Every structure is written in C-alpha cells, then in structure tokens.
C-alpha cells in the first residue's frame, strides 16, 4: 500500500512538470552565481548479483540543492529515497537512502538547452523495517550525464542518468530520474537580439550634414611670393576634400595682367588641384591666380569667397653665386611648390609611429619651413571609419603630434611654428561603404595627415 501511494505521488509530480513545460516559452540561461533546487522522481535498478542488496527495480524520489560557481561549473548536494521490494520472500520491503555531493560541468549549447556531465561521492543506507534489520552506510561513487531545458527564466526541466558504484561490495546500480530545477539569483543573462524571420532590411549609413564652406589653406607659389620659378606648377590646397568636377578652367584661372594664361586643371589629391600652364611663365612677371566660388566640396558647399593671390616670377636664372674670401661656391636654389601630405602607409599599422617612407616624405616639408622661416603651419590628422569614434579621434591626434615631433626633433623647426589638431573620422575624404575594409580606396584616402600654412 505504501509503495502504491508513492507511485501515485510520482505520477502526480511528473504531470505537474509537463504542465509547467507547456505553460511558458521564455528563454533563460544557466547562470553563474545562482543557487538551485531540483526535486526529482525516477527509477532505480539494483545490482542483483550480490547477497545484501537483493532488491527489485523501484521508484526513487528526492531533491538536489546546488550552486553555480560559473556558467559551466557547479556543485550539488543530493538526497534520494527508494522504497524497494526485496527479491527474497522473507524481506518484503526495504528503505534505501542515498546521499552525497556531486560536481557538474554544463555545456550551455543554447540559452535553453544545457547538457551536463556529473560525478560525485557519497553514501547509501539500506534498512529493512519489517525485520528490524539495517544495512548501515557504505560509501558510493557515481558518474553520469544529464540535460536541463529552460522553460522560464528561473525554471528548467531536467533529466539525469547515473551509474552508482558501491566499491566495498563491488555493486553496480543504475539511477535514472526526471525533475525540475528552480534557479535563484546569479548574474542575469545578457539580452540577445532575436532576428526576425523576414528578409534583413539594409539600414543606410546616416552622415551628419556638412554645411561648412571650404577654404583655400595653401598656394604654391605662395601669396606674394617673388622669384618664383618660370617652370613652376600652380597648386592650391583646400581645407577639406573637394568635388573635383567643380575644379576646372572656369573656376581655377591664372592671369598675366588682363590676359588669361592658357592651361589645364589636374587634381593633385582629394584636397588639392594644380593649374598646368601650356607654356612656361615669363621671367620677372607678376601673375594673378584665382579660385572662384564655383569650386565646391563633396557636400556641395561652395568656396566661402573668391580666393585671389599674386606672385612674381624670378627675373634671373635660379643660380646664385656666393663669394667668400676663400672660395667660390655655386648653390642651386630649389623651389618647392607644396607641402607633402602623409597617408596611412606612412605610419605603422594602427600606431602613431612614422615609417621610414613617412620620415622621407617629411623631409620636403622641413625644407619648405626652413626656406620660409616666418611660416607657421597646422598639422591636421584624419582616420578611416574603422574602430570607435573615440579611438579614431585619439589616433588622429597622436599621428599629428608624431609628425610635429619629427619636424622639431629631426628637422630643427621651432615648436612654436607648428600647431596640431585631430579630426578622427569626422571629415572623410571619401564615403566608406564598408568601414571594416581597411584596404578600400576610400579608407586609404581618409587615413591622412595634412599640412596647412596658417601664418607667414
């Protein structure tokens, strides 16, 4: 009678677990730092090849209480009770108690599905109340596997299979149970985005509106220059990347008095353009260069105002004879048209350290500043869109500072003549369709260091 009542109770508990599984579909996880309580019911098969434990396969029920040290590792204390009938006619029933401590390793295949391995040590106690006999504890070890399936944030269905070994008597028992695990506390799982079954929707990259008009930051020959080479190429540098289609013979002109000088316009870089005259310039002549408001940046902003400047070519060949009391030395005066702009290849990858090529390029800028001792410059740093905005801002500032340091330490330029600024990824020369592609033409164009004359 006692055994029939226990079986009915076990069926009732299993029915309750089934209803619980169908009541909710919320997702959860095996949480680190959580305490667990796991009531269970199932079956227990005894080893028949022995003298003491001659018992029939019977139902078992009990409880496990545990703690998860991490998402994977946990430990449980367990207690189980079996009311078993003896295979011997003189011993109708036996109370069997099992207890111990187990270690668990969870695999966490998905937030819901959590298989695990288990192993532990404990003891087993047999008692035959009808005969007043007790078979007192002997130690037992067990190992096995199981699975938890979370049906709510703090509730999981659970199944276990354990091989139980009683070493003293060489017995091998089998325990198989089902139950439910209740989870308390612990580190809450990170919320995971659930992708919709519909086709993905492409989200356009939103770029902040650019309303700042571009300006001319540098010309070569520079404004008011005298002694310009008659073979020089007229070059203009801008404060930001320009729409090259708006730089043409109508918006970029050169005049000798009232006469237009014939020539063609060529884009030197995203931020500069050159006027290539058809014939060489005349010596000892004043020329007027002009860039009109028809020139626009990539956002369509027109030049702030017409930029007009004049320069005068040299009246004599570019060779000076310097005479001293000791000897005569002929020195050729080299005229440099513009500053060199550094690109991403002129720095070590993801660093502010100059490469040998970058140092070689800076030699021309050092010469320009030595030839023009009153000239002051601004060094502006820019990056591609890869990485966070905060990191890119810092990298652009460090690279601008690295270029200044080289001009000061190696070139001997006074630090007071140089200012630096970093713009990070905020002023791209070209839009990057894939910011993760560092080898794209757009990314390479955006990774740059620009030199601009700010004062003479």
Protein backbone atom coordinates (compact mmCIF):
# COMPACT_ATOMS: atom_id res chain seq x y z
CA UNK A 1 0.00 0.00 0.00
CA UNK A 2 2.81 2.32 0.94
CA UNK A 3 4.52 1.69 -2.37
CA UNK A 4 1.31 2.31 -4.40
CA UNK A 5 0.87 5.70 -2.71
CA UNK A 6 4.45 6.70 -3.60
CA UNK A 7 3.93 5.71 -7.24
CA UNK A 8 0.77 7.81 -7.44
CA UNK A 9 2.68 10.76 -5.96
CA UNK A 10 5.45 10.32 -8.52
CA UNK A 11 2.97 10.34 -11.40
CA UNK A 12 1.41 13.49 -10.00
CA UNK A 13 4.76 15.26 -9.85
CA UNK A 14 5.61 14.25 -13.43
CA UNK A 15 2.22 15.55 -14.62
CA UNK A 16 2.88 18.87 -12.89
CA UNK A 17 6.27 19.16 -14.65
CA UNK A 18 4.59 18.50 -18.01
CA UNK A 19 2.08 21.29 -17.40
CA UNK A 20 4.90 23.62 -16.39
CA UNK A 21 6.76 22.92 -19.64
CA UNK A 22 3.72 23.88 -21.73
CA UNK A 23 2.91 27.00 -19.70
CA UNK A 24 5.70 29.25 -20.94
CA UNK A 25 8.30 29.62 -23.66
CA UNK A 26 10.50 32.31 -22.08
CA UNK A 27 14.23 31.89 -22.63
CA UNK A 28 16.84 31.85 -19.90
CA UNK A 29 20.36 30.60 -19.17
CA UNK A 30 22.33 28.56 -16.69
CA UNK A 31 23.54 31.50 -14.58
CA UNK A 32 26.81 31.99 -12.76
CA UNK A 33 26.35 32.61 -9.03
CA UNK A 34 22.87 31.07 -8.91
CA UNK A 35 21.55 28.70 -6.25
CA UNK A 36 19.45 25.77 -7.49
CA UNK A 37 16.88 23.38 -6.01
CA UNK A 38 15.97 20.31 -8.08
CA UNK A 39 13.25 17.88 -6.88
CA UNK A 40 13.18 14.65 -8.91
CA UNK A 41 11.43 11.29 -9.39
CA UNK A 42 12.53 8.29 -11.40
CA UNK A 43 13.62 4.69 -11.28
CA UNK A 44 16.42 2.82 -9.50
CA UNK A 45 17.77 -0.56 -10.63
CA UNK A 46 19.79 -2.57 -8.10
CA UNK A 47 22.63 -4.96 -8.82
CA UNK A 48 21.15 -8.45 -8.31
CA UNK A 49 24.43 -10.34 -8.27
CA UNK A 50 25.06 -9.98 -4.52
CA UNK A 51 23.86 -11.15 -1.13
CA UNK A 52 22.79 -7.93 0.58
CA UNK A 53 21.05 -5.75 -1.93
CA UNK A 54 18.74 -8.32 -3.47
CA UNK A 55 16.06 -5.73 -4.39
CA UNK A 56 13.64 -5.15 -7.24
CA UNK A 57 13.82 -2.13 -9.58
CA UNK A 58 11.79 0.56 -7.79
CA UNK A 59 10.83 4.23 -7.93
CA UNK A 60 13.12 6.88 -6.40
CA UNK A 61 12.40 10.43 -5.45
CA UNK A 62 14.46 13.12 -3.79
CA UNK A 63 15.98 16.55 -4.10
CA UNK A 64 19.25 18.18 -5.15
CA UNK A 65 20.49 21.60 -3.93
CA UNK A 66 23.35 23.29 -5.72
CA UNK A 67 25.37 26.39 -6.56
CA UNK A 68 26.84 27.50 -9.92
CA UNK A 69 30.37 28.86 -9.48
CA UNK A 70 30.44 29.85 -13.18
CA UNK A 71 28.16 29.34 -16.16
CA UNK A 72 29.86 25.95 -16.63
CA UNK A 73 30.92 24.67 -13.21
CA UNK A 74 28.57 23.86 -10.36
CA UNK A 75 28.19 21.63 -7.32
CA UNK A 76 25.16 19.85 -5.79
CA UNK A 77 24.27 18.10 -2.56
CA UNK A 78 21.72 15.33 -3.14
CA UNK A 79 19.36 13.12 -1.17
CA UNK A 80 17.26 10.26 -2.56
CA UNK A 81 14.83 7.73 -1.17
CA UNK A 82 13.85 4.34 -2.64
CA UNK A 83 11.08 2.12 -1.23
CA UNK A 84 12.10 -1.22 -2.75
CA UNK A 85 10.68 -4.70 -2.59
CA UNK A 86 13.10 -7.50 -1.85
CA UNK A 87 13.63 -10.32 -4.30
CA UNK A 88 13.85 -12.63 -1.26
CA UNK A 89 10.46 -13.81 0.06
CA UNK A 90 11.32 -13.15 3.71
CA UNK A 91 12.12 -9.43 3.23
CA UNK A 92 9.11 -7.75 1.58
CA UNK A 93 10.27 -4.12 1.61
CA UNK A 94 13.42 -2.08 2.20
CA UNK A 95 14.08 1.62 2.74
CA UNK A 96 17.14 2.76 0.78
CA UNK A 97 18.63 6.20 1.34
CA UNK A 98 21.31 7.72 -0.90
CA UNK A 99 23.18 10.99 -0.31
CA UNK A 100 26.32 12.73 -1.44
CA UNK A 101 28.00 15.67 -3.18
CA UNK A 102 28.39 15.97 -6.96
CA UNK A 103 30.35 18.24 -9.33
CA UNK A 104 28.64 19.32 -12.58
CA UNK A 105 30.03 20.71 -15.82
CA UNK A 106 27.44 22.44 -18.06
CA UNK A 107 27.96 22.80 -21.82
CA UNK A 108 25.37 25.59 -22.48
CA UNK A 109 24.71 24.69 -26.12
CA UNK A 110 21.95 27.33 -26.32
CA UNK A 111 20.36 29.57 -23.68
CA UNK A 112 17.62 26.93 -23.24
CA UNK A 113 19.43 23.64 -23.85
CA UNK A 114 22.13 22.83 -21.26
CA UNK A 115 23.61 19.30 -21.30
CA UNK A 116 25.96 18.46 -18.42
CA UNK A 117 28.29 15.82 -17.02
CA UNK A 118 28.27 14.88 -13.34
CA UNK A 119 30.41 12.90 -10.91
CA UNK A 120 30.42 12.65 -7.15
CA UNK A 121 30.86 10.71 -3.93
CA UNK A 122 28.53 9.90 -1.06
CA UNK A 123 26.90 7.00 0.70
CA UNK A 124 23.97 4.57 0.72
CA UNK A 125 21.97 3.19 3.64
CA UNK A 126 19.69 0.10 3.50
CA UNK A 127 17.02 -0.59 6.11
CA UNK A 128 14.55 -3.46 6.36
CA UNK A 129 11.92 -2.14 8.85
CA UNK A 130 9.70 -5.23 8.65
CA UNK A 131 12.50 -7.36 10.10
CA UNK A 132 14.11 -4.68 12.26
CA UNK A 133 17.33 -5.02 10.32
CA UNK A 134 19.53 -2.27 8.94
CA UNK A 135 22.37 -2.47 6.48
CA UNK A 136 24.38 0.50 7.60
CA UNK A 137 26.10 3.05 5.37
CA UNK A 138 28.82 2.28 2.92
CA UNK A 139 30.36 4.83 0.64
CA UNK A 140 29.34 5.13 -3.01
CA UNK A 141 30.64 6.94 -6.07
CA UNK A 142 28.64 7.90 -9.14
CA UNK A 143 29.08 9.42 -12.57
CA UNK A 144 26.75 10.18 -15.42
CA UNK A 145 25.17 12.82 -17.60
CA UNK A 146 22.03 14.86 -17.87
CA UNK A 147 20.32 17.75 -19.55
CA UNK A 148 18.44 20.85 -18.46
CA UNK A 149 15.93 22.62 -20.69
CA UNK A 150 14.89 26.08 -19.50
CA UNK A 151 11.20 26.82 -19.95
CA UNK A 152 11.32 30.07 -17.99
CA UNK A 153 13.96 32.45 -16.71
CA UNK A 154 14.32 30.53 -13.44
CA UNK A 155 12.82 27.12 -14.27
CA UNK A 156 14.26 24.21 -16.25
CA UNK A 157 13.10 20.66 -16.90
CA UNK A 158 15.81 18.16 -16.07
CA UNK A 159 16.77 14.52 -16.72
CA UNK A 160 19.69 12.57 -15.18
CA UNK A 161 21.26 9.12 -15.64
CA UNK A 162 23.83 7.92 -13.07
CA UNK A 163 25.98 4.81 -12.71
CA UNK A 164 26.27 4.21 -8.93
CA UNK A 165 29.18 2.06 -7.68
CA UNK A 166 29.47 0.57 -4.17
CA UNK A 167 33.19 -0.34 -4.10
CA UNK A 168 33.13 -2.29 -0.80
CA UNK A 169 30.79 -4.93 -2.22
CA UNK A 170 31.56 -4.48 -5.91
CA UNK A 171 27.94 -3.48 -6.69
CA UNK A 172 26.77 -1.52 -9.76
CA UNK A 173 23.41 0.25 -9.61
CA UNK A 174 21.65 2.48 -12.15
CA UNK A 175 19.64 5.61 -11.34
CA UNK A 176 17.53 7.47 -13.93
CA UNK A 177 15.40 10.44 -12.95
CA UNK A 178 13.39 13.38 -14.27
CA UNK A 179 12.59 16.58 -12.45
CA UNK A 180 12.67 20.33 -12.45
CA UNK A 181 15.38 22.84 -11.47
CA UNK A 182 14.49 26.13 -9.81
CA UNK A 183 17.20 28.79 -10.11
CA UNK A 184 17.63 31.71 -7.67
CA UNK A 185 19.83 34.80 -8.05
CA UNK A 186 23.04 34.81 -10.04
CA UNK A 187 24.27 37.00 -12.87
CA UNK A 188 21.41 37.85 -15.21
CA UNK A 189 21.97 36.78 -18.83
CA UNK A 190 22.81 39.37 -21.46
CA UNK A 191 19.75 40.16 -23.54
CA UNK A 192 20.20 38.72 -27.01
CA UNK A 193 18.60 40.27 -30.04
CA UNK A 194 16.18 37.92 -31.78
CA UNK A 195 16.35 38.18 -35.56
CA UNK A 196 13.03 38.33 -37.38
CA UNK A 197 12.25 35.64 -39.91
CA UNK A 198 11.68 38.28 -42.57
CA UNK A 199 14.42 39.25 -45.00
CA UNK A 200 17.00 41.64 -43.48
CA UNK A 201 16.50 45.34 -44.11
CA UNK A 202 19.51 47.36 -45.10
CA UNK A 203 19.97 50.41 -42.92
CA UNK A 204 21.59 53.37 -44.67
CA UNK A 205 24.59 54.99 -43.05
CA UNK A 206 23.49 58.35 -41.69
CA UNK A 207 26.13 61.03 -42.18
CA UNK A 208 25.85 64.33 -40.37
CA UNK A 209 25.03 67.21 -42.71
CA UNK A 210 28.10 69.25 -43.73
CA UNK A 211 27.33 72.95 -44.05
CA UNK A 212 30.84 74.34 -43.58
CA UNK A 213 32.18 76.01 -46.73
CA UNK A 214 35.70 75.03 -47.81
CA UNK A 215 38.60 77.49 -47.82
CA UNK A 216 41.98 77.74 -49.53
CA UNK A 217 44.64 76.83 -46.98
CA UNK A 218 47.81 77.00 -49.07
CA UNK A 219 49.03 78.04 -52.50
CA UNK A 220 52.22 77.36 -54.41
CA UNK A 221 53.78 79.69 -55.27
CA UNK A 222 52.58 81.27 -52.05
CA UNK A 223 50.72 84.54 -51.88
CA UNK A 224 53.04 87.48 -52.51
CA UNK A 225 55.98 85.27 -53.46
CA UNK A 226 58.81 86.74 -55.54
CA UNK A 227 61.41 84.84 -57.50
CA UNK A 228 59.03 82.02 -58.47
CA UNK A 229 60.41 79.54 -60.98
CA UNK A 230 59.10 80.04 -64.53
CA UNK A 231 58.64 76.27 -64.74
CA UNK A 232 56.59 76.10 -61.58
CA UNK A 233 53.24 74.34 -61.34
CA UNK A 234 50.48 76.44 -59.76
CA UNK A 235 48.92 74.45 -56.93
CA UNK A 236 46.08 75.18 -54.46
CA UNK A 237 45.37 73.18 -51.28
CA UNK A 238 41.92 73.24 -49.65
CA UNK A 239 40.74 72.80 -46.07
CA UNK A 240 38.77 69.65 -46.96
CA UNK A 241 38.22 67.21 -49.86
CA UNK A 242 36.75 68.85 -52.94
CA UNK A 243 34.40 67.81 -55.72
CA UNK A 244 36.97 67.51 -58.48
CA UNK A 245 34.30 68.07 -61.15
CA UNK A 246 33.93 71.67 -59.92
CA UNK A 247 37.66 72.41 -60.34
CA UNK A 248 38.12 73.34 -63.99
CA UNK A 249 39.33 76.10 -66.33
CA UNK A 250 36.35 78.29 -65.32
CA UNK A 251 36.79 78.07 -61.54
CA UNK A 252 40.63 77.93 -61.37
CA UNK A 253 42.35 80.55 -63.55
CA UNK A 254 45.69 82.31 -63.96
CA UNK A 255 46.14 85.77 -65.49
CA UNK A 256 49.03 87.97 -66.61
CA UNK A 257 47.56 91.42 -66.17
CA UNK A 258 44.26 91.24 -68.06
CA UNK A 259 45.33 88.32 -70.25
CA UNK A 260 44.22 84.78 -69.37
CA UNK A 261 47.06 82.25 -69.27
CA UNK A 262 46.17 79.02 -71.15
CA UNK A 263 46.44 75.78 -69.20
CA UNK A 264 44.63 72.71 -67.83
CA UNK A 265 43.45 71.73 -64.34
CA UNK A 266 44.64 68.49 -62.74
CA UNK A 267 43.61 67.01 -59.41
CA UNK A 268 46.75 66.51 -57.31
CA UNK A 269 44.84 64.86 -54.44
CA UNK A 270 41.40 64.93 -52.83
CA UNK A 271 42.29 68.22 -51.14
CA UNK A 272 44.38 69.93 -53.84
CA UNK A 273 44.41 70.84 -57.52
CA UNK A 274 47.04 72.18 -59.93
CA UNK A 275 46.99 74.59 -62.87
CA UNK A 276 49.34 73.24 -65.55
CA UNK A 277 50.23 76.11 -67.88
CA UNK A 278 50.56 75.41 -71.59
CA UNK A 279 53.75 77.46 -71.91
CA UNK A 280 56.30 78.31 -69.27
CA UNK A 281 55.80 81.52 -67.31
CA UNK A 282 57.62 84.67 -68.29
CA UNK A 283 60.51 85.80 -66.04
CA UNK A 284 60.12 88.92 -63.95
CA UNK A 285 56.35 88.93 -64.40
CA UNK A 286 53.51 89.26 -61.90
CA UNK A 287 50.71 86.73 -62.21
CA UNK A 288 47.29 86.59 -60.54
CA UNK A 289 45.73 83.24 -59.54
CA UNK A 290 42.04 82.88 -58.75
CA UNK A 291 39.77 80.14 -57.41
CA UNK A 292 36.13 81.17 -57.63
CA UNK A 293 33.08 80.20 -55.59
CA UNK A 294 32.16 77.75 -58.34
CA UNK A 295 34.53 75.32 -56.59
CA UNK A 296 32.62 73.09 -54.14
CA UNK A 297 33.36 70.44 -51.52
CA UNK A 298 31.91 66.91 -51.52
CA UNK A 299 28.81 68.11 -49.64
CA UNK A 300 28.10 70.75 -52.29
CA UNK A 301 29.26 73.72 -50.19
CA UNK A 302 30.76 76.47 -52.35
CA UNK A 303 34.09 78.14 -51.52
CA UNK A 304 33.49 80.78 -48.88
CA UNK A 305 34.57 83.55 -51.29
CA UNK A 306 36.72 84.03 -54.38
CA UNK A 307 40.35 83.44 -53.45
CA UNK A 308 42.78 85.70 -55.32
CA UNK A 309 46.53 85.91 -54.90
CA UNK A 310 49.55 87.20 -56.83
CA UNK A 311 53.14 86.10 -57.21
CA UNK A 312 56.11 87.24 -59.29
CA UNK A 313 58.49 85.07 -61.28
CA UNK A 314 62.25 85.45 -60.99
CA UNK A 315 63.95 87.81 -63.38
CA UNK A 316 67.24 85.85 -63.41
CA UNK A 317 68.14 82.13 -63.64
CA UNK A 318 67.82 80.15 -60.43
CA UNK A 319 71.55 80.00 -59.72
CA UNK A 320 73.24 82.18 -57.15
CA UNK A 321 77.00 82.65 -56.87
CA UNK A 322 78.10 83.09 -53.26
CA UNK A 323 81.59 84.60 -52.98
CA UNK A 324 83.79 84.39 -49.90
CA UNK A 325 87.43 85.30 -49.29
CA UNK A 326 88.43 81.65 -49.52
CA UNK A 327 86.46 80.12 -52.38
CA UNK A 328 83.53 80.44 -54.72
CA UNK A 329 80.55 78.14 -54.22
CA UNK A 330 77.68 77.80 -56.66
CA UNK A 331 74.39 76.88 -54.98
CA UNK A 332 71.24 75.97 -56.86
CA UNK A 333 68.12 77.34 -55.15
CA UNK A 334 65.39 74.66 -55.10
CA UNK A 335 61.81 75.92 -55.20
CA UNK A 336 59.26 73.57 -53.57
CA UNK A 337 55.66 74.07 -54.63
CA UNK A 338 53.65 72.48 -51.82
CA UNK A 339 53.64 70.56 -48.59
CA UNK A 340 53.60 66.76 -48.73
CA UNK A 341 50.51 65.06 -47.28
CA UNK A 342 51.11 61.82 -45.36
CA UNK A 343 48.90 58.75 -45.90
CA UNK A 344 48.14 55.64 -43.84
CA UNK A 345 51.17 53.82 -45.26
CA UNK A 346 53.46 56.44 -43.75
CA UNK A 347 52.63 55.22 -40.22
CA UNK A 348 52.91 51.78 -38.67
CA UNK A 349 49.59 49.93 -38.69
CA UNK A 350 47.20 51.23 -36.03
CA UNK A 351 50.02 53.29 -34.45
CA UNK A 352 51.38 56.82 -34.45
CA UNK A 353 54.96 55.74 -35.27
CA UNK A 354 56.29 57.01 -38.61
CA UNK A 355 57.58 54.51 -41.15
CA UNK A 356 60.89 55.17 -42.97
CA UNK A 357 58.85 56.24 -46.01
CA UNK A 358 56.89 58.70 -43.88
CA UNK A 359 60.09 60.23 -42.49
CA UNK A 360 61.47 60.57 -46.02
CA UNK A 361 58.31 62.39 -47.14
CA UNK A 362 58.56 64.86 -44.25
CA UNK A 363 61.99 65.99 -45.47
CA UNK A 364 60.29 68.15 -48.13
CA UNK A 365 58.06 69.85 -45.54
CA UNK A 366 61.09 70.51 -43.34
CA UNK A 367 62.82 72.19 -46.29
CA UNK A 368 59.79 74.39 -47.02
CA UNK A 369 59.71 75.62 -43.42
CA UNK A 370 63.45 76.25 -43.35
CA UNK A 371 63.22 78.19 -46.62
CA UNK A 372 60.37 80.24 -45.13
CA UNK A 373 61.37 80.95 -41.50
CA UNK A 374 58.29 83.12 -40.84
CA UNK A 375 55.87 80.43 -41.99
CA UNK A 376 53.64 78.71 -39.43
CA UNK A 377 51.69 75.52 -40.14
CA UNK A 378 48.81 73.49 -38.82
CA UNK A 379 49.10 69.69 -38.95
CA UNK A 380 45.65 68.04 -39.17
CA UNK A 381 45.11 64.32 -38.54
CA UNK A 382 42.30 62.22 -40.06
CA UNK A 383 41.43 58.50 -39.90
CA UNK A 384 39.23 55.98 -41.67
CA UNK A 385 35.88 54.87 -40.20
CA UNK A 386 37.09 51.52 -38.80
CA UNK A 387 37.08 51.41 -35.00
CA UNK A 388 35.22 53.52 -32.44
CA UNK A 389 34.89 57.29 -32.85
CA UNK A 390 36.74 57.86 -29.54
CA UNK A 391 39.67 55.67 -30.57
CA UNK A 392 39.91 57.25 -34.03
CA UNK A 393 39.90 60.74 -32.52
CA UNK A 394 42.83 59.83 -30.28
CA UNK A 395 44.74 58.16 -33.13
CA UNK A 396 44.38 61.23 -35.39
CA UNK A 397 45.70 63.48 -32.61
CA UNK A 398 48.65 61.18 -31.85
CA UNK A 399 49.66 60.96 -35.51
CA UNK A 400 49.54 64.75 -35.94
CA UNK A 401 51.72 65.09 -32.82
CA UNK A 402 54.15 62.46 -34.19
CA UNK A 403 54.61 64.48 -37.39
CA UNK A 404 55.22 67.65 -35.36
CA UNK A 405 57.73 65.86 -33.12
CA UNK A 406 59.69 64.70 -36.18
CA UNK A 407 59.78 68.23 -37.64
CA UNK A 408 61.01 69.63 -34.32
CA UNK A 409 63.46 66.91 -33.25
CA UNK A 410 64.86 65.90 -36.65
CA UNK A 411 64.21 69.00 -38.76
CA UNK A 412 65.11 71.55 -36.12
CA UNK A 413 61.89 73.51 -36.67
CA UNK A 414 60.78 75.64 -33.71
CA UNK A 415 57.84 74.03 -31.93
CA UNK A 416 56.06 77.40 -31.72
CA UNK A 417 55.71 77.44 -35.50
CA UNK A 418 53.57 74.27 -35.51
CA UNK A 419 50.09 73.60 -34.18
CA UNK A 420 48.25 70.27 -34.37
CA UNK A 421 44.62 69.14 -34.43
CA UNK A 422 42.88 65.79 -34.86
CA UNK A 423 39.54 65.29 -36.60
CA UNK A 424 39.31 61.49 -36.26
CA UNK A 425 36.76 60.04 -38.69
CA UNK A 426 34.53 63.17 -38.77
CA UNK A 427 35.81 64.66 -42.06
CA UNK A 428 36.20 61.80 -44.54
CA UNK A 429 37.74 62.46 -47.94
CA UNK A 430 35.51 59.72 -49.36
CA UNK A 431 32.47 57.85 -48.02
CA UNK A 432 33.31 54.28 -46.93
CA UNK A 433 30.67 51.76 -47.99
CA UNK A 434 32.32 49.10 -45.81
CA UNK A 435 34.10 50.66 -42.79
CA UNK A 436 35.70 47.31 -41.90
CA UNK A 437 37.62 47.16 -45.22
CA UNK A 438 40.90 48.93 -44.38
CA UNK A 439 42.25 48.20 -47.87
CA UNK A 440 39.50 50.06 -49.75
CA UNK A 441 40.41 53.17 -51.74
CA UNK A 442 38.08 55.23 -49.54
CA UNK A 443 39.72 54.04 -46.31
CA UNK A 444 43.19 54.80 -47.67
CA UNK A 445 42.10 58.27 -48.78
CA UNK A 446 40.68 59.01 -45.32
CA UNK A 447 43.83 57.97 -43.42
CA UNK A 448 45.90 61.12 -43.89
CA UNK A 449 47.93 63.90 -42.28
CA UNK A 450 47.54 67.34 -43.93
CA UNK A 451 49.92 70.33 -43.58
CA UNK A 452 48.40 73.82 -43.95
CA UNK A 453 50.03 77.25 -43.79
CA UNK A 454 48.24 79.34 -41.14
CA UNK A 455 50.53 82.33 -40.81
CA UNK A 456 53.51 83.81 -42.64
